[in-house]
């Protein structure tokens, strides 16, 4: 998990990055998805129509309630 300084840096990076309507932000290596959710909130506050996609090898860890090990249906909203 990032500390407050790192989150501020990440938010600034998102704000200064070139914007393409309908674009994507890709996060590779996610655990609970909190950083992806943070990036989504930052982009939403900037009125950017950008999707955040998190990629993680779910089978690399033992399953638990936050990581049901590759059960895609468990992650759908």
C-alpha atoms as a PDB file:
ATOM      1  CA  UNK A   1       0.000   0.000   0.000  1.00  0.00           C
ATOM      2  CA  UNK A   2       1.223   3.475  -0.824  1.00  0.00           C
ATOM      3  CA  UNK A   3       1.772   6.181   1.775  1.00  0.00           C
ATOM      4  CA  UNK A   4       0.147   9.620   1.432  1.00  0.00           C
ATOM      5  CA  UNK A   5       3.135  11.132  -0.386  1.00  0.00           C
ATOM      6  CA  UNK A   6       3.168   8.356  -2.967  1.00  0.00           C
ATOM      7  CA  UNK A   7      -0.594   8.697  -3.493  1.00  0.00           C
ATOM      8  CA  UNK A   8      -0.175  12.453  -4.054  1.00  0.00           C
ATOM      9  CA  UNK A   9       2.560  11.741  -6.598  1.00  0.00           C
ATOM     10  CA  UNK A  10       0.336   9.171  -8.340  1.00  0.00           C
ATOM     11  CA  UNK A  11      -2.580  11.636  -8.451  1.00  0.00           C
ATOM     12  CA  UNK A  12      -0.304  14.342  -9.888  1.00  0.00           C
ATOM     13  CA  UNK A  13       1.016  11.907 -12.492  1.00  0.00           C
ATOM     14  CA  UNK A  14      -2.530  11.038 -13.564  1.00  0.00           C
ATOM     15  CA  UNK A  15      -3.423  14.720 -13.757  1.00  0.00           C
ATOM     16  CA  UNK A  16      -0.386  15.615 -15.863  1.00  0.00           C
ATOM     17  CA  UNK A  17      -0.587  12.632 -18.217  1.00  0.00           C
ATOM     18  CA  UNK A  18      -1.886  13.205 -21.747  1.00  0.00           C
ATOM     19  CA  UNK A  19      -5.623  12.562 -21.878  1.00  0.00           C
ATOM     20  CA  UNK A  20      -7.355  10.565 -24.603  1.00  0.00           C
ATOM     21  CA  UNK A  21     -11.126  10.298 -24.281  1.00  0.00           C
ATOM     22  CA  UNK A  22     -12.134   6.694 -23.670  1.00  0.00           C
ATOM     23  CA  UNK A  23      -8.561   5.695 -22.859  1.00  0.00           C
ATOM     24  CA  UNK A  24      -7.305   3.187 -20.303  1.00  0.00           C
ATOM     25  CA  UNK A  25      -5.003   3.180 -17.295  1.00  0.00           C
ATOM     26  CA  UNK A  26      -3.471  -0.251 -16.746  1.00  0.00           C
ATOM     27  CA  UNK A  27      -2.237  -1.397 -13.329  1.00  0.00           C
ATOM     28  CA  UNK A  28      -0.125  -4.539 -13.447  1.00  0.00           C
ATOM     29  CA  UNK A  29       0.205  -6.270 -10.097  1.00  0.00           C
ATOM     30  CA  UNK A  30      -2.735  -5.525  -7.855  1.00  0.00           C
ATOM     31  CA  UNK A  31      -3.597  -7.047  -4.498  1.00  0.00           C
ATOM     32  CA  UNK A  32      -6.874  -5.744  -3.129  1.00  0.00           C
ATOM     33  CA  UNK A  33      -7.530  -3.177  -5.851  1.00  0.00           C
ATOM     34  CA  UNK A  34      -7.327  -0.156  -3.566  1.00  0.00           C
ATOM     35  CA  UNK A  35      -4.783   1.628  -5.784  1.00  0.00           C
ATOM     36  CA  UNK A  36      -6.951   0.985  -8.847  1.00  0.00           C
ATOM     37  CA  UNK A  37      -9.959   2.370  -6.974  1.00  0.00           C
ATOM     38  CA  UNK A  38      -7.902   5.421  -5.949  1.00  0.00           C
ATOM     39  CA  UNK A  39      -6.845   6.037  -9.552  1.00  0.00           C
ATOM     40  CA  UNK A  40     -10.469   5.706 -10.661  1.00  0.00           C
ATOM     41  CA  UNK A  41     -11.579   8.313  -8.118  1.00  0.00           C
ATOM     42  CA  UNK A  42      -8.789  10.701  -9.159  1.00  0.00           C
ATOM     43  CA  UNK A  43      -9.696  10.337 -12.835  1.00  0.00           C
ATOM     44  CA  UNK A  44     -13.376  10.805 -12.013  1.00  0.00           C
ATOM     45  CA  UNK A  45     -12.596  14.007 -10.091  1.00  0.00           C
ATOM     46  CA  UNK A  46     -10.697  15.246 -13.173  1.00  0.00           C
ATOM     47  CA  UNK A  47     -13.786  14.524 -15.338  1.00  0.00           C
ATOM     48  CA  UNK A  48     -11.809  12.059 -17.428  1.00  0.00           C
ATOM     49  CA  UNK A  49     -13.638   9.260 -19.201  1.00  0.00           C
ATOM     50  CA  UNK A  50     -10.851   6.764 -18.559  1.00  0.00           C
ATOM     51  CA  UNK A  51     -11.187   3.154 -17.438  1.00  0.00           C
ATOM     52  CA  UNK A  52      -8.809   1.562 -14.957  1.00  0.00           C
ATOM     53  CA  UNK A  53      -7.863  -2.052 -15.641  1.00  0.00           C
ATOM     54  CA  UNK A  54      -5.999  -4.126 -13.027  1.00  0.00           C
ATOM     55  CA  UNK A  55      -4.070  -7.218 -14.049  1.00  0.00           C
ATOM     56  CA  UNK A  56      -2.797  -9.771 -11.557  1.00  0.00           C
ATOM     57  CA  UNK A  57      -1.814 -13.458 -11.715  1.00  0.00           C
ATOM     58  CA  UNK A  58      -4.504 -14.632  -9.316  1.00  0.00           C
ATOM     59  CA  UNK A  59      -3.119 -18.166  -9.168  1.00  0.00           C
ATOM     60  CA  UNK A  60       0.178 -16.997  -7.654  1.00  0.00           C
ATOM     61  CA  UNK A  61      -1.371 -16.757  -4.163  1.00  0.00           C
ATOM     62  CA  UNK A  62      -3.556 -18.854  -1.923  1.00  0.00           C
ATOM     63  CA  UNK A  63      -7.231 -17.907  -2.206  1.00  0.00           C
ATOM     64  CA  UNK A  64      -8.828 -15.717   0.447  1.00  0.00           C
ATOM     65  CA  UNK A  65     -11.983 -13.535   0.544  1.00  0.00           C
ATOM     66  CA  UNK A  66     -10.177 -10.667  -1.238  1.00  0.00           C
ATOM     67  CA  UNK A  67      -8.549 -12.935  -3.834  1.00  0.00           C
ATOM     68  CA  UNK A  68     -10.803 -15.827  -4.873  1.00  0.00           C
ATOM     69  CA  UNK A  69      -8.010 -17.149  -7.121  1.00  0.00           C
ATOM     70  CA  UNK A  70      -9.062 -16.512 -10.671  1.00  0.00           C
ATOM     71  CA  UNK A  71     -12.827 -16.648 -10.132  1.00  0.00           C
ATOM     72  CA  UNK A  72     -13.679 -13.881 -12.608  1.00  0.00           C
ATOM     73  CA  UNK A  73     -17.343 -13.840 -11.599  1.00  0.00           C
ATOM     74  CA  UNK A  74     -16.369 -12.863  -8.048  1.00  0.00           C
ATOM     75  CA  UNK A  75     -14.837  -9.625  -9.379  1.00  0.00           C
ATOM     76  CA  UNK A  76     -17.709  -8.466 -11.572  1.00  0.00           C
ATOM     77  CA  UNK A  77     -19.630  -5.439 -10.383  1.00  0.00           C
END
